Amino acid sequence: MATSYSGTGRTVAHNMVTTQVTLEGYRVVRTLGVVRGITVRSRSIFGTIGAGLQTLVGGNITLLTNLCEKTRAEAFELMLEHAADLGANAVVAARYDATEIMQGVTEVLAYGTAVVVEVARDKS
C-alpha cells in the first residue's frame, strides 16, 4: 500500500537530495516544509518461507534485503513527488524511519524538508 502525492509525474532529481541541512554549491531561497513518502509492506507467505530457508544456510537473506530495498526506494520516490508537488527543486535533511505495525507488516517513511535552491554565487 502506498500513498501517492502526485498525479503529475514530476519529481525532484535524486542528486538534489541530501541528509545534510545544506546542499553543497546551492543556497536555499525558500523553505516549503516537511515532505514525506509512506509505504506499508507485508511479506508474502512465499517470501517468508523462502527467507526461512535462507536463514538455514546463513549469510545475507536476499529475499528480505530485496524487499527492504524496494520498500525504501518506493517511499523515497513518493517523498520526491510530494516535494515537487509543493514546488521544490531539492530536499534537505532527508531521513528514513521504519515501524512494525503488526507482525510481518512494516511501514517505511522517508521524510525531509522541501526547499527551493539556486546555484550559489561566488562572493570573491
N, C-alpha and C. Protein backbone atom coordinates (compact mmCIF):
# COMPACT_ATOMS: atom_id res chain seq x y z
N MET A 1 0.84 -1.17 0.00
CA MET A 1 0.00 0.00 0.00
C MET A 1 0.89 1.23 0.00
N ALA A 2 0.57 2.21 -0.81
CA ALA A 2 1.37 3.43 -0.86
C ALA A 2 0.44 4.62 -1.00
N THR A 3 0.84 5.73 -0.44
CA THR A 3 0.10 6.96 -0.58
C THR A 3 0.75 7.77 -1.69
N SER A 4 -0.01 8.15 -2.68
CA SER A 4 0.54 8.92 -3.79
C SER A 4 0.25 10.39 -3.59
N TYR A 5 1.24 11.21 -3.81
CA TYR A 5 1.07 12.65 -3.64
C TYR A 5 0.98 13.37 -4.97
N SER A 6 1.21 12.67 -6.07
CA SER A 6 1.33 13.37 -7.34
C SER A 6 0.65 12.63 -8.46
N GLY A 7 -0.08 13.37 -9.24
CA GLY A 7 -0.62 12.82 -10.47
C GLY A 7 0.14 13.38 -11.66
N THR A 8 1.06 14.30 -11.38
CA THR A 8 1.77 14.99 -12.46
C THR A 8 2.98 14.23 -12.95
N GLY A 9 3.49 13.31 -12.15
CA GLY A 9 4.70 12.59 -12.54
C GLY A 9 5.97 13.39 -12.32
N ARG A 10 5.84 14.63 -11.81
CA ARG A 10 7.01 15.44 -11.52
C ARG A 10 7.69 14.93 -10.27
N THR A 11 9.00 15.08 -10.23
CA THR A 11 9.75 14.63 -9.07
C THR A 11 11.01 15.48 -8.93
N VAL A 12 11.58 15.47 -7.75
CA VAL A 12 12.86 16.14 -7.50
C VAL A 12 13.97 15.18 -7.93
N ALA A 13 15.00 15.69 -8.58
CA ALA A 13 16.13 14.86 -9.02
C ALA A 13 16.86 14.27 -7.82
N HIS A 14 17.30 13.02 -7.96
CA HIS A 14 17.99 12.34 -6.86
C HIS A 14 19.24 13.08 -6.38
N ASN A 15 19.94 13.73 -7.29
CA ASN A 15 21.16 14.44 -6.90
C ASN A 15 20.87 15.75 -6.16
N MET A 16 19.60 16.08 -6.01
CA MET A 16 19.20 17.29 -5.29
C MET A 16 18.61 16.93 -3.92
N VAL A 17 19.00 15.77 -3.40
CA VAL A 17 18.54 15.31 -2.09
C VAL A 17 19.77 15.03 -1.23
N THR A 18 19.72 15.49 0.01
CA THR A 18 20.85 15.27 0.92
C THR A 18 20.35 15.04 2.33
N THR A 19 21.17 14.35 3.11
CA THR A 19 20.87 14.18 4.53
C THR A 19 21.37 15.38 5.33
N GLN A 20 22.16 16.22 4.70
CA GLN A 20 22.67 17.43 5.35
C GLN A 20 21.58 18.51 5.36
N VAL A 21 21.82 19.60 6.07
CA VAL A 21 20.86 20.70 6.09
C VAL A 21 21.14 21.72 4.99
N THR A 22 22.24 21.54 4.28
CA THR A 22 22.57 22.40 3.14
C THR A 22 22.95 21.50 1.97
N LEU A 23 22.82 22.04 0.77
CA LEU A 23 23.19 21.32 -0.44
C LEU A 23 24.38 22.04 -1.04
N GLU A 24 25.52 21.36 -1.06
CA GLU A 24 26.77 22.00 -1.50
C GLU A 24 26.63 22.62 -2.88
N GLY A 25 27.07 23.89 -2.99
CA GLY A 25 27.03 24.61 -4.25
C GLY A 25 25.72 25.35 -4.50
N TYR A 26 24.78 25.22 -3.56
CA TYR A 26 23.46 25.85 -3.70
C TYR A 26 23.13 26.62 -2.43
N ARG A 27 22.25 27.59 -2.56
CA ARG A 27 21.73 28.28 -1.39
C ARG A 27 20.22 28.17 -1.38
N VAL A 28 19.66 27.98 -0.21
CA VAL A 28 18.21 27.87 -0.06
C VAL A 28 17.59 29.25 -0.19
N VAL A 29 16.63 29.39 -1.09
CA VAL A 29 15.94 30.67 -1.24
C VAL A 29 14.53 30.63 -0.67
N ARG A 30 14.02 29.40 -0.46
CA ARG A 30 12.68 29.26 0.13
C ARG A 30 12.54 27.88 0.75
N THR A 31 11.98 27.83 1.93
CA THR A 31 11.68 26.56 2.59
C THR A 31 10.19 26.32 2.50
N LEU A 32 9.82 25.13 2.02
CA LEU A 32 8.41 24.83 1.76
C LEU A 32 7.78 23.92 2.81
N GLY A 33 8.59 23.30 3.65
CA GLY A 33 8.06 22.47 4.72
C GLY A 33 8.43 21.01 4.60
N VAL A 34 7.92 20.23 5.54
CA VAL A 34 8.21 18.80 5.61
C VAL A 34 7.47 18.07 4.50
N VAL A 35 8.18 17.14 3.86
CA VAL A 35 7.58 16.26 2.87
C VAL A 35 7.83 14.82 3.29
N ARG A 36 6.99 13.92 2.80
CA ARG A 36 7.12 12.53 3.21
C ARG A 36 6.63 11.59 2.13
N GLY A 37 7.12 10.39 2.23
CA GLY A 37 6.64 9.29 1.41
C GLY A 37 6.47 8.10 2.32
N ILE A 38 5.30 7.49 2.32
CA ILE A 38 5.00 6.40 3.23
C ILE A 38 4.59 5.17 2.42
N THR A 39 5.19 4.05 2.77
CA THR A 39 4.84 2.77 2.17
C THR A 39 4.66 1.74 3.28
N VAL A 40 3.62 0.93 3.16
CA VAL A 40 3.39 -0.14 4.11
C VAL A 40 3.46 -1.46 3.34
N ARG A 41 4.30 -2.37 3.80
CA ARG A 41 4.52 -3.65 3.11
C ARG A 41 4.37 -4.80 4.07
N SER A 42 3.97 -5.93 3.50
CA SER A 42 3.97 -7.19 4.25
C SER A 42 4.72 -8.23 3.44
N ARG A 43 5.24 -9.20 4.13
CA ARG A 43 5.90 -10.31 3.45
C ARG A 43 4.83 -11.27 2.96
N SER A 44 5.04 -11.82 1.78
CA SER A 44 4.13 -12.86 1.30
C SER A 44 4.48 -14.18 1.98
N ILE A 45 3.59 -15.12 1.93
CA ILE A 45 3.85 -16.42 2.53
C ILE A 45 5.05 -17.08 1.84
N PHE A 46 5.16 -16.88 0.52
CA PHE A 46 6.28 -17.47 -0.22
C PHE A 46 7.60 -16.81 0.17
N GLY A 47 7.57 -15.49 0.36
CA GLY A 47 8.77 -14.78 0.80
C GLY A 47 9.19 -15.20 2.19
N THR A 48 8.21 -15.40 3.06
CA THR A 48 8.51 -15.82 4.42
C THR A 48 9.15 -17.21 4.44
N ILE A 49 8.58 -18.12 3.65
CA ILE A 49 9.13 -19.48 3.57
C ILE A 49 10.53 -19.44 2.97
N GLY A 50 10.69 -18.68 1.87
CA GLY A 50 12.00 -18.57 1.21
C GLY A 50 13.05 -17.98 2.13
N ALA A 51 12.67 -16.93 2.87
CA ALA A 51 13.61 -16.30 3.80
C ALA A 51 13.96 -17.27 4.92
N GLY A 52 12.97 -18.04 5.37
CA GLY A 52 13.23 -19.03 6.41
C GLY A 52 14.23 -20.07 5.95
N LEU A 53 14.12 -20.48 4.69
CA LEU A 53 15.07 -21.44 4.13
C LEU A 53 16.46 -20.82 4.01
N GLN A 54 16.52 -19.54 3.63
CA GLN A 54 17.82 -18.87 3.52
C GLN A 54 18.50 -18.73 4.87
N THR A 55 17.74 -18.61 5.95
CA THR A 55 18.35 -18.49 7.28
C THR A 55 19.04 -19.79 7.68
N LEU A 56 18.59 -20.91 7.12
CA LEU A 56 19.23 -22.20 7.43
C LEU A 56 20.66 -22.25 6.88
N VAL A 57 20.88 -21.58 5.74
CA VAL A 57 22.19 -21.57 5.09
C VAL A 57 23.09 -20.51 5.72
N GLY A 58 22.47 -19.43 6.19
CA GLY A 58 23.24 -18.32 6.77
C GLY A 58 23.59 -17.28 5.73
N GLY A 59 24.15 -16.19 6.18
CA GLY A 59 24.55 -15.11 5.28
C GLY A 59 23.42 -14.14 5.00
N ASN A 60 23.59 -13.39 3.91
CA ASN A 60 22.62 -12.38 3.51
C ASN A 60 21.31 -13.04 3.11
N ILE A 61 20.21 -12.58 3.67
CA ILE A 61 18.89 -13.11 3.32
C ILE A 61 18.37 -12.23 2.19
N THR A 62 18.71 -12.61 0.97
CA THR A 62 18.46 -11.75 -0.20
C THR A 62 16.99 -11.46 -0.44
N LEU A 63 16.11 -12.38 -0.13
CA LEU A 63 14.68 -12.12 -0.32
C LEU A 63 14.23 -10.92 0.52
N LEU A 64 14.68 -10.88 1.76
CA LEU A 64 14.29 -9.77 2.63
C LEU A 64 15.06 -8.50 2.31
N THR A 65 16.33 -8.65 1.92
CA THR A 65 17.11 -7.48 1.51
C THR A 65 16.45 -6.79 0.32
N ASN A 66 16.05 -7.57 -0.67
CA ASN A 66 15.40 -7.01 -1.86
C ASN A 66 14.07 -6.35 -1.51
N LEU A 67 13.30 -6.96 -0.61
CA LEU A 67 12.03 -6.38 -0.18
C LEU A 67 12.26 -5.05 0.52
N CYS A 68 13.25 -5.01 1.40
CA CYS A 68 13.56 -3.77 2.13
C CYS A 68 14.01 -2.68 1.17
N GLU A 69 14.87 -3.02 0.23
CA GLU A 69 15.36 -2.01 -0.72
C GLU A 69 14.23 -1.48 -1.59
N LYS A 70 13.37 -2.36 -2.06
CA LYS A 70 12.24 -1.93 -2.89
C LYS A 70 11.30 -1.01 -2.10
N THR A 71 11.07 -1.34 -0.83
CA THR A 71 10.20 -0.55 0.01
C THR A 71 10.79 0.83 0.28
N ARG A 72 12.08 0.88 0.61
CA ARG A 72 12.74 2.18 0.84
C ARG A 72 12.73 3.03 -0.42
N ALA A 73 13.01 2.42 -1.56
CA ALA A 73 13.03 3.17 -2.83
C ALA A 73 11.65 3.75 -3.14
N GLU A 74 10.60 2.98 -2.87
CA GLU A 74 9.24 3.48 -3.13
C GLU A 74 8.91 4.66 -2.22
N ALA A 75 9.24 4.56 -0.94
CA ALA A 75 8.99 5.66 -0.01
C ALA A 75 9.78 6.90 -0.41
N PHE A 76 11.03 6.70 -0.84
CA PHE A 76 11.89 7.80 -1.28
C PHE A 76 11.28 8.52 -2.48
N GLU A 77 10.84 7.75 -3.48
CA GLU A 77 10.24 8.34 -4.68
C GLU A 77 8.96 9.11 -4.36
N LEU A 78 8.16 8.57 -3.45
CA LEU A 78 6.94 9.28 -3.04
C LEU A 78 7.28 10.60 -2.36
N MET A 79 8.34 10.61 -1.55
CA MET A 79 8.78 11.85 -0.91
C MET A 79 9.18 12.88 -1.97
N LEU A 80 9.91 12.44 -3.00
CA LEU A 80 10.35 13.36 -4.05
C LEU A 80 9.17 13.90 -4.85
N GLU A 81 8.15 13.08 -5.08
CA GLU A 81 6.94 13.55 -5.76
C GLU A 81 6.21 14.58 -4.91
N HIS A 82 6.12 14.31 -3.60
CA HIS A 82 5.47 15.26 -2.69
C HIS A 82 6.20 16.60 -2.72
N ALA A 83 7.53 16.57 -2.70
CA ALA A 83 8.33 17.80 -2.75
C ALA A 83 8.08 18.56 -4.05
N ALA A 84 8.06 17.86 -5.17
CA ALA A 84 7.83 18.51 -6.47
C ALA A 84 6.43 19.13 -6.52
N ASP A 85 5.45 18.45 -5.93
CA ASP A 85 4.09 19.00 -5.90
C ASP A 85 4.02 20.33 -5.15
N LEU A 86 4.91 20.50 -4.18
CA LEU A 86 4.95 21.76 -3.42
C LEU A 86 5.75 22.84 -4.15
N GLY A 87 6.43 22.47 -5.23
CA GLY A 87 7.24 23.43 -5.98
C GLY A 87 8.72 23.38 -5.64
N ALA A 88 9.15 22.38 -4.90
CA ALA A 88 10.56 22.27 -4.51
C ALA A 88 11.40 21.74 -5.65
N ASN A 89 12.68 22.10 -5.62
CA ASN A 89 13.64 21.50 -6.55
C ASN A 89 14.74 20.76 -5.80
N ALA A 90 14.58 20.66 -4.45
CA ALA A 90 15.55 19.93 -3.63
C ALA A 90 14.89 19.52 -2.32
N VAL A 91 15.52 18.53 -1.66
CA VAL A 91 15.09 18.10 -0.33
C VAL A 91 16.34 18.01 0.53
N VAL A 92 16.31 18.69 1.68
CA VAL A 92 17.43 18.63 2.62
C VAL A 92 16.98 17.90 3.89
N ALA A 93 17.94 17.47 4.69
CA ALA A 93 17.68 16.77 5.96
C ALA A 93 16.83 15.52 5.74
N ALA A 94 17.09 14.79 4.66
CA ALA A 94 16.31 13.58 4.34
C ALA A 94 16.64 12.47 5.33
N ARG A 95 15.61 11.74 5.72
CA ARG A 95 15.76 10.66 6.69
C ARG A 95 14.79 9.53 6.34
N TYR A 96 15.04 8.35 6.96
CA TYR A 96 14.14 7.20 6.87
C TYR A 96 13.74 6.80 8.28
N ASP A 97 12.56 6.21 8.38
CA ASP A 97 12.12 5.61 9.63
C ASP A 97 11.30 4.38 9.26
N ALA A 98 11.34 3.38 10.10
CA ALA A 98 10.55 2.17 9.86
C ALA A 98 9.90 1.74 11.16
N THR A 99 8.65 1.28 11.06
CA THR A 99 7.91 0.83 12.22
C THR A 99 7.17 -0.44 11.86
N GLU A 100 7.27 -1.43 12.72
CA GLU A 100 6.48 -2.64 12.51
C GLU A 100 5.08 -2.37 13.07
N ILE A 101 4.09 -2.34 12.18
CA ILE A 101 2.72 -2.03 12.57
C ILE A 101 2.06 -3.24 13.22
N MET A 102 2.30 -4.40 12.63
CA MET A 102 1.87 -5.67 13.19
C MET A 102 2.85 -6.71 12.68
N GLN A 103 2.79 -7.90 13.20
CA GLN A 103 3.78 -8.91 12.81
C GLN A 103 3.77 -9.11 11.30
N GLY A 104 4.94 -8.90 10.70
CA GLY A 104 5.08 -9.09 9.26
C GLY A 104 4.65 -7.91 8.42
N VAL A 105 4.18 -6.82 9.04
CA VAL A 105 3.75 -5.62 8.30
C VAL A 105 4.56 -4.43 8.79
N THR A 106 5.27 -3.80 7.87
CA THR A 106 6.16 -2.70 8.23
C THR A 106 5.84 -1.45 7.43
N GLU A 107 5.87 -0.32 8.12
CA GLU A 107 5.73 0.99 7.48
C GLU A 107 7.13 1.56 7.31
N VAL A 108 7.42 2.06 6.12
CA VAL A 108 8.67 2.78 5.89
C VAL A 108 8.31 4.20 5.50
N LEU A 109 8.93 5.13 6.19
CA LEU A 109 8.68 6.55 5.98
C LEU A 109 9.98 7.23 5.55
N ALA A 110 9.94 7.91 4.43
CA ALA A 110 11.05 8.77 4.00
C ALA A 110 10.55 10.20 4.19
N TYR A 111 11.36 11.04 4.83
CA TYR A 111 10.91 12.41 5.07
C TYR A 111 12.09 13.37 5.01
N GLY A 112 11.79 14.62 4.79
CA GLY A 112 12.80 15.66 4.74
C GLY A 112 12.14 17.02 4.62
N THR A 113 12.95 18.03 4.35
CA THR A 113 12.44 19.39 4.18
C THR A 113 12.54 19.78 2.72
N ALA A 114 11.40 20.14 2.14
CA ALA A 114 11.35 20.58 0.75
C ALA A 114 11.83 22.03 0.67
N VAL A 115 12.73 22.29 -0.25
CA VAL A 115 13.28 23.64 -0.41
C VAL A 115 13.40 23.99 -1.89
N VAL A 116 13.47 25.29 -2.13
CA VAL A 116 13.83 25.80 -3.44
C VAL A 116 15.25 26.33 -3.31
N VAL A 117 16.13 25.86 -4.17
CA VAL A 117 17.52 26.29 -4.12
C VAL A 117 17.92 26.91 -5.45
N GLU A 118 18.97 27.72 -5.39
CA GLU A 118 19.58 28.24 -6.61
C GLU A 118 21.09 28.11 -6.46
N VAL A 119 21.78 28.11 -7.58
CA VAL A 119 23.23 27.97 -7.57
C VAL A 119 23.82 29.12 -6.77
N ALA A 120 24.71 28.78 -5.84
CA ALA A 120 25.36 29.80 -5.01
C ALA A 120 26.38 30.54 -5.87
N ARG A 121 26.36 31.82 -5.76
CA ARG A 121 27.31 32.66 -6.49
C ARG A 121 28.54 32.88 -5.63
N ASP A 122 29.72 32.80 -6.23
CA ASP A 122 30.98 33.03 -5.51
C ASP A 122 31.05 34.50 -5.16
N LYS A 123 31.39 34.84 -3.92
CA LYS A 123 31.41 36.23 -3.46
C LYS A 123 32.80 36.86 -3.59
N SER A 124 33.69 36.28 -4.36
CA SER A 124 35.03 36.86 -4.48
C SER A 124 35.11 37.94 -5.52
